[in-house]
Amino acid sequence: MRGTPGYLAPEWRQPLGRITVKVDIYSFGIVLLEIVCARRNVDESQPESAFHLLTVLQKKADQDRVIDIVENLDAYKQSEREEITRMIKVAAWCLQDDPERRPLMSTVLKVLEGVMEVDSNLNYRFSHAMISSPAGNHHISSAPPQASVLSNPR
């Protein structure tokens, strides 16, 4: 399997992992985080400690400062900072290691519309954030494809 580094859900890398519709939720979470932070998830121009955006998010979450992953934060008003923090939490919810803990896209939409709140019990331990390194190969390989539950039998 080949893919863009950092966008594939962790279950793609598990030998017997079951692929579900939640892999798309994971990819959405990465894209949302990249938009909010104005940087790529895997950025070779960053120092090794900040190469993976998820690693930075994990460190900032440990300090209860997730908003600090956004550059030029001084340019934003307080109300914008609150919205940025909410978007980071939506992204983190979509990036949960366990696909069962990721929301459905319909739930994400409700949160983005302000109808629902983000799950307050988020895990910021992204074990898959350390998969590739700046000097590593950016093509992901794995065992042959396993059965999936993406759609019903045809």
N, C-alpha and C. Protein backbone atom coordinates (compact mmCIF):
# COMPACT_ATOMS: atom_id res chain seq x y z
N MET A 1 0.85 -1.17 0.00
CA MET A 1 0.00 0.00 0.00
C MET A 1 0.89 1.23 0.00
N ARG A 2 0.46 2.24 -0.72
CA ARG A 2 1.17 3.50 -0.73
C ARG A 2 0.18 4.59 -0.39
N GLY A 3 0.67 5.63 0.22
CA GLY A 3 -0.21 6.74 0.55
C GLY A 3 0.58 7.94 0.98
N THR A 4 -0.10 9.05 1.08
CA THR A 4 0.53 10.28 1.54
C THR A 4 0.81 10.14 3.03
N PRO A 5 2.03 10.40 3.46
CA PRO A 5 2.36 10.22 4.87
C PRO A 5 1.46 11.05 5.78
N GLY A 6 0.98 10.41 6.83
CA GLY A 6 0.22 11.13 7.83
C GLY A 6 -1.28 11.18 7.63
N TYR A 7 -1.79 10.73 6.49
CA TYR A 7 -3.23 10.83 6.23
C TYR A 7 -3.95 9.50 6.41
N LEU A 8 -3.22 8.40 6.43
CA LEU A 8 -3.84 7.09 6.57
C LEU A 8 -4.12 6.79 8.04
N ALA A 9 -5.31 6.31 8.31
CA ALA A 9 -5.70 5.95 9.67
C ALA A 9 -4.81 4.81 10.17
N PRO A 10 -4.57 4.75 11.48
CA PRO A 10 -3.66 3.74 12.03
C PRO A 10 -4.10 2.30 11.73
N GLU A 11 -5.38 2.06 11.56
CA GLU A 11 -5.82 0.68 11.30
C GLU A 11 -5.35 0.16 9.95
N TRP A 12 -4.98 1.04 9.04
CA TRP A 12 -4.42 0.60 7.75
C TRP A 12 -3.09 -0.11 7.95
N ARG A 13 -2.38 0.22 9.03
CA ARG A 13 -1.05 -0.35 9.26
C ARG A 13 -1.09 -1.62 10.10
N GLN A 14 -2.23 -1.99 10.62
CA GLN A 14 -2.33 -3.18 11.45
C GLN A 14 -2.53 -4.40 10.55
N PRO A 15 -1.74 -5.46 10.77
CA PRO A 15 -1.81 -6.63 9.89
C PRO A 15 -3.21 -7.22 9.74
N LEU A 16 -3.96 -7.29 10.81
CA LEU A 16 -5.30 -7.86 10.74
C LEU A 16 -6.37 -6.82 11.03
N GLY A 17 -6.03 -5.57 10.82
CA GLY A 17 -6.96 -4.49 11.12
C GLY A 17 -8.16 -4.50 10.18
N ARG A 18 -9.32 -4.20 10.71
CA ARG A 18 -10.53 -4.09 9.91
C ARG A 18 -10.71 -2.65 9.51
N ILE A 19 -10.85 -2.43 8.23
CA ILE A 19 -11.00 -1.08 7.70
C ILE A 19 -12.49 -0.73 7.71
N THR A 20 -12.82 0.42 8.27
CA THR A 20 -14.21 0.84 8.37
C THR A 20 -14.36 2.23 7.75
N VAL A 21 -15.57 2.75 7.76
CA VAL A 21 -15.80 4.10 7.25
C VAL A 21 -15.10 5.14 8.10
N LYS A 22 -14.65 4.78 9.28
CA LYS A 22 -13.98 5.72 10.17
C LYS A 22 -12.59 6.11 9.68
N VAL A 23 -12.04 5.43 8.67
CA VAL A 23 -10.74 5.86 8.12
C VAL A 23 -10.88 7.22 7.45
N ASP A 24 -12.03 7.50 6.87
CA ASP A 24 -12.26 8.80 6.25
C ASP A 24 -12.38 9.90 7.30
N ILE A 25 -12.95 9.58 8.45
CA ILE A 25 -13.06 10.54 9.54
C ILE A 25 -11.65 10.92 10.01
N TYR A 26 -10.76 9.93 10.09
CA TYR A 26 -9.38 10.19 10.47
C TYR A 26 -8.73 11.18 9.49
N SER A 27 -8.87 10.92 8.21
CA SER A 27 -8.28 11.80 7.19
C SER A 27 -8.85 13.21 7.28
N PHE A 28 -10.15 13.31 7.53
CA PHE A 28 -10.77 14.63 7.72
C PHE A 28 -10.15 15.35 8.90
N GLY A 29 -9.91 14.62 9.99
CA GLY A 29 -9.30 15.22 11.17
C GLY A 29 -7.91 15.79 10.88
N ILE A 30 -7.14 15.07 10.08
CA ILE A 30 -5.81 15.56 9.69
C ILE A 30 -5.94 16.84 8.88
N VAL A 31 -6.82 16.84 7.89
CA VAL A 31 -6.99 18.02 7.04
C VAL A 31 -7.48 19.22 7.87
N LEU A 32 -8.45 19.00 8.75
CA LEU A 32 -8.95 20.08 9.60
C LEU A 32 -7.83 20.65 10.46
N LEU A 33 -7.03 19.78 11.05
CA LEU A 33 -5.91 20.24 11.88
C LEU A 33 -4.90 21.03 11.05
N GLU A 34 -4.63 20.58 9.85
CA GLU A 34 -3.70 21.30 8.98
C GLU A 34 -4.23 22.69 8.62
N ILE A 35 -5.52 22.78 8.36
CA ILE A 35 -6.12 24.08 8.01
C ILE A 35 -6.03 25.04 9.20
N VAL A 36 -6.41 24.56 10.37
CA VAL A 36 -6.42 25.40 11.56
C VAL A 36 -5.00 25.85 11.92
N CYS A 37 -4.04 24.95 11.80
CA CYS A 37 -2.66 25.25 12.20
C CYS A 37 -1.83 25.88 11.09
N ALA A 38 -2.37 25.88 9.86
CA ALA A 38 -1.66 26.45 8.71
C ALA A 38 -0.30 25.80 8.48
N ARG A 39 -0.26 24.49 8.64
CA ARG A 39 0.95 23.72 8.34
C ARG A 39 0.58 22.29 8.03
N ARG A 40 1.48 21.60 7.39
CA ARG A 40 1.24 20.20 7.04
C ARG A 40 1.41 19.30 8.26
N ASN A 41 0.76 18.17 8.25
CA ASN A 41 0.88 17.20 9.33
C ASN A 41 2.31 16.66 9.41
N VAL A 42 2.89 16.33 8.29
CA VAL A 42 4.26 15.85 8.22
C VAL A 42 5.05 16.92 7.49
N ASP A 43 5.91 17.62 8.23
CA ASP A 43 6.60 18.77 7.67
C ASP A 43 8.11 18.62 7.87
N GLU A 44 8.81 18.29 6.80
CA GLU A 44 10.26 18.07 6.87
C GLU A 44 11.04 19.34 7.19
N SER A 45 10.45 20.51 7.00
CA SER A 45 11.16 21.76 7.30
C SER A 45 11.18 22.06 8.80
N GLN A 46 10.39 21.33 9.58
CA GLN A 46 10.32 21.54 11.03
C GLN A 46 11.44 20.75 11.72
N PRO A 47 11.84 21.18 12.92
CA PRO A 47 12.80 20.37 13.68
C PRO A 47 12.17 19.01 14.00
N GLU A 48 13.01 18.03 14.29
CA GLU A 48 12.52 16.67 14.52
C GLU A 48 11.42 16.62 15.59
N SER A 49 11.51 17.44 16.62
CA SER A 49 10.51 17.43 17.69
C SER A 49 9.15 17.95 17.22
N ALA A 50 9.13 18.66 16.09
CA ALA A 50 7.87 19.21 15.56
C ALA A 50 7.56 18.68 14.17
N PHE A 51 8.28 17.65 13.73
CA PHE A 51 8.09 17.07 12.40
C PHE A 51 6.65 16.63 12.18
N HIS A 52 6.07 15.96 13.17
CA HIS A 52 4.68 15.50 13.11
C HIS A 52 3.80 16.46 13.88
N LEU A 53 2.79 17.00 13.23
CA LEU A 53 1.86 17.91 13.89
C LEU A 53 1.16 17.21 15.05
N LEU A 54 0.88 15.93 14.92
CA LEU A 54 0.22 15.20 16.01
C LEU A 54 1.11 15.09 17.24
N THR A 55 2.41 15.01 17.04
CA THR A 55 3.33 14.98 18.17
C THR A 55 3.27 16.30 18.93
N VAL A 56 3.24 17.40 18.18
CA VAL A 56 3.15 18.72 18.79
C VAL A 56 1.82 18.85 19.54
N LEU A 57 0.73 18.42 18.91
CA LEU A 57 -0.58 18.48 19.56
C LEU A 57 -0.59 17.67 20.85
N GLN A 58 0.01 16.50 20.81
CA GLN A 58 0.07 15.65 22.00
C GLN A 58 0.80 16.36 23.13
N LYS A 59 1.93 16.99 22.83
CA LYS A 59 2.70 17.70 23.85
C LYS A 59 1.91 18.88 24.41
N LYS A 60 1.27 19.63 23.53
CA LYS A 60 0.50 20.80 23.98
C LYS A 60 -0.72 20.38 24.79
N ALA A 61 -1.33 19.27 24.43
CA ALA A 61 -2.49 18.77 25.18
C ALA A 61 -2.06 18.35 26.59
N ASP A 62 -0.86 17.77 26.71
CA ASP A 62 -0.35 17.40 28.03
C ASP A 62 -0.21 18.62 28.93
N GLN A 63 0.04 19.78 28.31
CA GLN A 63 0.19 21.04 29.05
C GLN A 63 -1.13 21.82 29.11
N ASP A 64 -2.20 21.22 28.58
CA ASP A 64 -3.52 21.87 28.50
C ASP A 64 -3.43 23.19 27.72
N ARG A 65 -2.66 23.18 26.62
CA ARG A 65 -2.45 24.38 25.80
C ARG A 65 -2.55 24.03 24.31
N VAL A 66 -3.62 23.33 23.91
CA VAL A 66 -3.74 22.91 22.50
C VAL A 66 -3.72 24.09 21.54
N ILE A 67 -4.18 25.24 21.96
CA ILE A 67 -4.22 26.43 21.10
C ILE A 67 -2.81 26.85 20.67
N ASP A 68 -1.80 26.47 21.44
CA ASP A 68 -0.42 26.86 21.14
C ASP A 68 0.16 26.19 19.89
N ILE A 69 -0.54 25.26 19.29
CA ILE A 69 -0.03 24.67 18.05
C ILE A 69 -0.28 25.59 16.85
N VAL A 70 -1.05 26.64 17.06
CA VAL A 70 -1.36 27.60 15.99
C VAL A 70 -0.32 28.71 16.02
N GLU A 71 0.29 28.95 14.85
CA GLU A 71 1.27 30.02 14.75
C GLU A 71 0.58 31.37 14.65
N ASN A 72 1.28 32.43 15.01
CA ASN A 72 0.76 33.80 14.94
C ASN A 72 -0.55 33.97 15.69
N LEU A 73 -0.62 33.39 16.86
CA LEU A 73 -1.84 33.42 17.66
C LEU A 73 -2.22 34.83 18.08
N ASP A 74 -1.26 35.72 18.17
CA ASP A 74 -1.54 37.10 18.58
C ASP A 74 -2.44 37.82 17.59
N ALA A 75 -2.53 37.34 16.37
CA ALA A 75 -3.34 37.99 15.35
C ALA A 75 -4.84 37.70 15.52
N TYR A 76 -5.20 36.83 16.46
CA TYR A 76 -6.59 36.42 16.63
C TYR A 76 -7.21 37.03 17.88
N LYS A 77 -8.49 37.39 17.77
CA LYS A 77 -9.26 37.88 18.92
C LYS A 77 -9.60 36.70 19.83
N GLN A 78 -10.04 37.00 21.04
CA GLN A 78 -10.39 35.95 22.00
C GLN A 78 -11.49 35.05 21.47
N SER A 79 -12.53 35.61 20.84
CA SER A 79 -13.63 34.79 20.32
C SER A 79 -13.12 33.86 19.21
N GLU A 80 -12.17 34.34 18.41
CA GLU A 80 -11.60 33.49 17.36
C GLU A 80 -10.75 32.39 17.96
N ARG A 81 -10.07 32.69 19.05
CA ARG A 81 -9.25 31.67 19.73
C ARG A 81 -10.12 30.55 20.28
N GLU A 82 -11.28 30.90 20.81
CA GLU A 82 -12.20 29.88 21.32
C GLU A 82 -12.67 28.97 20.19
N GLU A 83 -12.96 29.55 19.04
CA GLU A 83 -13.38 28.76 17.88
C GLU A 83 -12.23 27.89 17.38
N ILE A 84 -11.02 28.42 17.37
CA ILE A 84 -9.84 27.65 16.96
C ILE A 84 -9.65 26.45 17.89
N THR A 85 -9.76 26.69 19.19
CA THR A 85 -9.64 25.60 20.16
C THR A 85 -10.70 24.53 19.92
N ARG A 86 -11.91 24.95 19.63
CA ARG A 86 -12.99 23.99 19.35
C ARG A 86 -12.67 23.17 18.10
N MET A 87 -12.13 23.81 17.07
CA MET A 87 -11.78 23.09 15.83
C MET A 87 -10.65 22.10 16.07
N ILE A 88 -9.69 22.47 16.91
CA ILE A 88 -8.60 21.56 17.25
C ILE A 88 -9.16 20.33 17.97
N LYS A 89 -10.12 20.56 18.87
CA LYS A 89 -10.73 19.45 19.60
C LYS A 89 -11.55 18.56 18.67
N VAL A 90 -12.24 19.16 17.69
CA VAL A 90 -12.98 18.36 16.70
C VAL A 90 -11.99 17.49 15.94
N ALA A 91 -10.88 18.08 15.51
CA ALA A 91 -9.86 17.32 14.78
C ALA A 91 -9.32 16.18 15.65
N ALA A 92 -9.01 16.48 16.91
CA ALA A 92 -8.48 15.45 17.81
C ALA A 92 -9.49 14.32 18.00
N TRP A 93 -10.77 14.64 18.05
CA TRP A 93 -11.82 13.63 18.18
C TRP A 93 -11.80 12.72 16.96
N CYS A 94 -11.61 13.30 15.80
CA CYS A 94 -11.55 12.52 14.55
C CYS A 94 -10.29 11.67 14.46
N LEU A 95 -9.27 11.99 15.24
CA LEU A 95 -7.97 11.33 15.15
C LEU A 95 -7.74 10.28 16.23
N GLN A 96 -8.77 9.89 16.94
CA GLN A 96 -8.60 8.90 18.00
C GLN A 96 -8.03 7.60 17.43
N ASP A 97 -7.09 7.00 18.17
CA ASP A 97 -6.48 5.73 17.72
C ASP A 97 -7.54 4.65 17.50
N ASP A 98 -8.49 4.58 18.41
CA ASP A 98 -9.55 3.57 18.32
C ASP A 98 -10.65 4.10 17.40
N PRO A 99 -10.87 3.45 16.26
CA PRO A 99 -11.89 3.94 15.33
C PRO A 99 -13.28 4.04 15.95
N GLU A 100 -13.57 3.23 16.94
CA GLU A 100 -14.88 3.26 17.60
C GLU A 100 -15.07 4.56 18.39
N ARG A 101 -13.98 5.21 18.76
CA ARG A 101 -14.07 6.46 19.51
C ARG A 101 -14.18 7.68 18.60
N ARG A 102 -13.97 7.49 17.30
CA ARG A 102 -14.11 8.60 16.35
C ARG A 102 -15.61 8.84 16.10
N PRO A 103 -15.98 10.09 15.89
CA PRO A 103 -17.40 10.38 15.62
C PRO A 103 -17.77 10.01 14.18
N LEU A 104 -19.04 9.91 13.94
CA LEU A 104 -19.54 9.80 12.57
C LEU A 104 -19.44 11.18 11.93
N MET A 105 -19.39 11.23 10.62
CA MET A 105 -19.30 12.52 9.94
C MET A 105 -20.55 13.35 10.21
N SER A 106 -21.70 12.72 10.36
CA SER A 106 -22.92 13.47 10.67
C SER A 106 -22.80 14.14 12.04
N THR A 107 -22.11 13.51 12.97
CA THR A 107 -21.88 14.10 14.29
C THR A 107 -20.91 15.27 14.17
N VAL A 108 -19.85 15.10 13.37
CA VAL A 108 -18.89 16.18 13.16
C VAL A 108 -19.61 17.39 12.59
N LEU A 109 -20.49 17.17 11.64
CA LEU A 109 -21.23 18.26 11.02
C LEU A 109 -22.07 18.99 12.07
N LYS A 110 -22.73 18.25 12.95
CA LYS A 110 -23.53 18.87 14.00
C LYS A 110 -22.66 19.72 14.94
N VAL A 111 -21.46 19.23 15.23
CA VAL A 111 -20.55 19.99 16.09
C VAL A 111 -20.11 21.26 15.37
N LEU A 112 -19.78 21.14 14.09
CA LEU A 112 -19.35 22.31 13.32
C LEU A 112 -20.47 23.35 13.21
N GLU A 113 -21.72 22.87 13.17
CA GLU A 113 -22.87 23.77 13.11
C GLU A 113 -23.21 24.36 14.48
N GLY A 114 -22.62 23.83 15.54
CA GLY A 114 -22.89 24.33 16.88
C GLY A 114 -24.07 23.68 17.55
N VAL A 115 -24.61 22.62 16.97
CA VAL A 115 -25.77 21.92 17.53
C VAL A 115 -25.34 20.95 18.63
N MET A 116 -24.13 20.44 18.53
CA MET A 116 -23.60 19.49 19.51
C MET A 116 -22.24 19.99 20.00
N GLU A 117 -21.79 19.41 21.11
CA GLU A 117 -20.47 19.73 21.65
C GLU A 117 -19.50 18.60 21.33
N VAL A 118 -18.22 18.93 21.36
CA VAL A 118 -17.17 17.95 21.16
C VAL A 118 -17.13 17.02 22.37
N ASP A 119 -16.86 15.74 22.14
CA ASP A 119 -16.70 14.79 23.23
C ASP A 119 -15.65 15.33 24.19
N SER A 120 -15.95 15.35 25.46
CA SER A 120 -15.03 15.92 26.45
C SER A 120 -13.98 14.91 26.91
N ASN A 121 -14.13 13.66 26.54
CA ASN A 121 -13.21 12.61 26.96
C ASN A 121 -12.28 12.21 25.81
N LEU A 122 -11.47 13.16 25.35
CA LEU A 122 -10.58 12.90 24.23
C LEU A 122 -9.25 12.33 24.69
N ASN A 123 -8.70 11.44 23.90
CA ASN A 123 -7.38 10.89 24.15
C ASN A 123 -6.41 11.56 23.19
N TYR A 124 -5.43 12.26 23.71
CA TYR A 124 -4.44 12.94 22.88
C TYR A 124 -3.18 12.11 22.72
N ARG A 125 -3.24 10.84 23.02
CA ARG A 125 -2.11 9.92 22.83
C ARG A 125 -2.23 9.32 21.44
N PHE A 126 -1.56 9.92 20.48
CA PHE A 126 -1.62 9.47 19.10
C PHE A 126 -0.43 8.56 18.84
N SER A 127 -0.59 7.27 19.10
CA SER A 127 0.53 6.33 18.97
C SER A 127 1.03 6.26 17.53
N HIS A 128 0.19 6.58 16.58
CA HIS A 128 0.55 6.51 15.16
C HIS A 128 1.29 7.74 14.68
N ALA A 129 1.50 8.73 15.53
CA ALA A 129 2.16 9.97 15.11
C ALA A 129 3.64 9.76 14.83
N MET A 130 4.21 8.70 15.32
CA MET A 130 5.65 8.49 15.20
C MET A 130 6.01 7.50 14.08
N ILE A 131 5.10 7.17 13.20
CA ILE A 131 5.34 6.15 12.19
C ILE A 131 6.50 6.47 11.26
N SER A 132 6.52 7.63 10.66
CA SER A 132 7.61 7.96 9.75
C SER A 132 8.46 9.07 10.35
N SER A 133 9.64 9.22 9.82
CA SER A 133 10.56 10.24 10.31
C SER A 133 11.08 11.05 9.15
N PRO A 134 11.72 12.19 9.42
CA PRO A 134 12.20 13.03 8.33
C PRO A 134 13.12 12.29 7.37
N ALA A 135 13.92 11.37 7.87
CA ALA A 135 14.85 10.66 7.00
C ALA A 135 14.26 9.37 6.46
N GLY A 136 13.06 9.02 6.95
CA GLY A 136 12.46 7.74 6.58
C GLY A 136 11.81 7.74 5.22
N ASN A 137 11.39 6.56 4.83
CA ASN A 137 10.68 6.38 3.57
C ASN A 137 9.23 6.79 3.78
N HIS A 138 8.69 7.57 2.90
CA HIS A 138 7.33 8.09 3.08
C HIS A 138 6.27 7.24 2.41
N HIS A 139 6.62 6.09 1.92
CA HIS A 139 5.62 5.19 1.36
C HIS A 139 5.32 4.14 2.41
N ILE A 140 4.07 3.92 2.66
CA ILE A 140 3.65 3.00 3.70
C ILE A 140 3.37 1.65 3.05
N SER A 141 3.95 0.61 3.62
CA SER A 141 3.68 -0.72 3.08
C SER A 141 3.08 -1.57 4.18
N SER A 142 2.33 -2.57 3.80
CA SER A 142 1.68 -3.43 4.77
C SER A 142 1.37 -4.77 4.15
N ALA A 143 0.72 -5.60 4.92
CA ALA A 143 0.30 -6.92 4.45
C ALA A 143 -0.77 -6.76 3.38
N PRO A 144 -1.11 -7.85 2.69
CA PRO A 144 -2.17 -7.77 1.68
C PRO A 144 -3.46 -7.24 2.30
N PRO A 145 -4.31 -6.61 1.49
CA PRO A 145 -5.55 -6.04 2.02
C PRO A 145 -6.41 -7.09 2.71
N GLN A 146 -7.00 -6.67 3.80
CA GLN A 146 -7.89 -7.53 4.57
C GLN A 146 -9.35 -7.19 4.24
N ALA A 147 -10.25 -8.03 4.71
CA ALA A 147 -11.67 -7.79 4.51
C ALA A 147 -12.05 -6.46 5.14
N SER A 148 -12.93 -5.73 4.48
CA SER A 148 -13.34 -4.45 5.02
C SER A 148 -14.83 -4.43 5.27
N VAL A 149 -15.27 -3.41 5.96
CA VAL A 149 -16.68 -3.24 6.23
C VAL A 149 -17.13 -1.89 5.68
N LEU A 150 -16.53 -1.48 4.57
CA LEU A 150 -16.86 -0.19 3.99
C LEU A 150 -18.23 -0.19 3.33
N SER A 151 -18.64 -1.30 2.79
CA SER A 151 -19.95 -1.35 2.15
C SER A 151 -20.49 -2.77 2.23
N ASN A 152 -21.76 -2.89 1.92
CA ASN A 152 -22.39 -4.22 1.92
C ASN A 152 -21.93 -5.02 0.73
N PRO A 153 -22.13 -6.33 0.74
CA PRO A 153 -21.76 -7.15 -0.42
C PRO A 153 -22.52 -6.67 -1.66
N ARG A 154 -21.88 -6.80 -2.78
CA ARG A 154 -22.50 -6.36 -4.04
C ARG A 154 -22.96 -7.52 -4.87
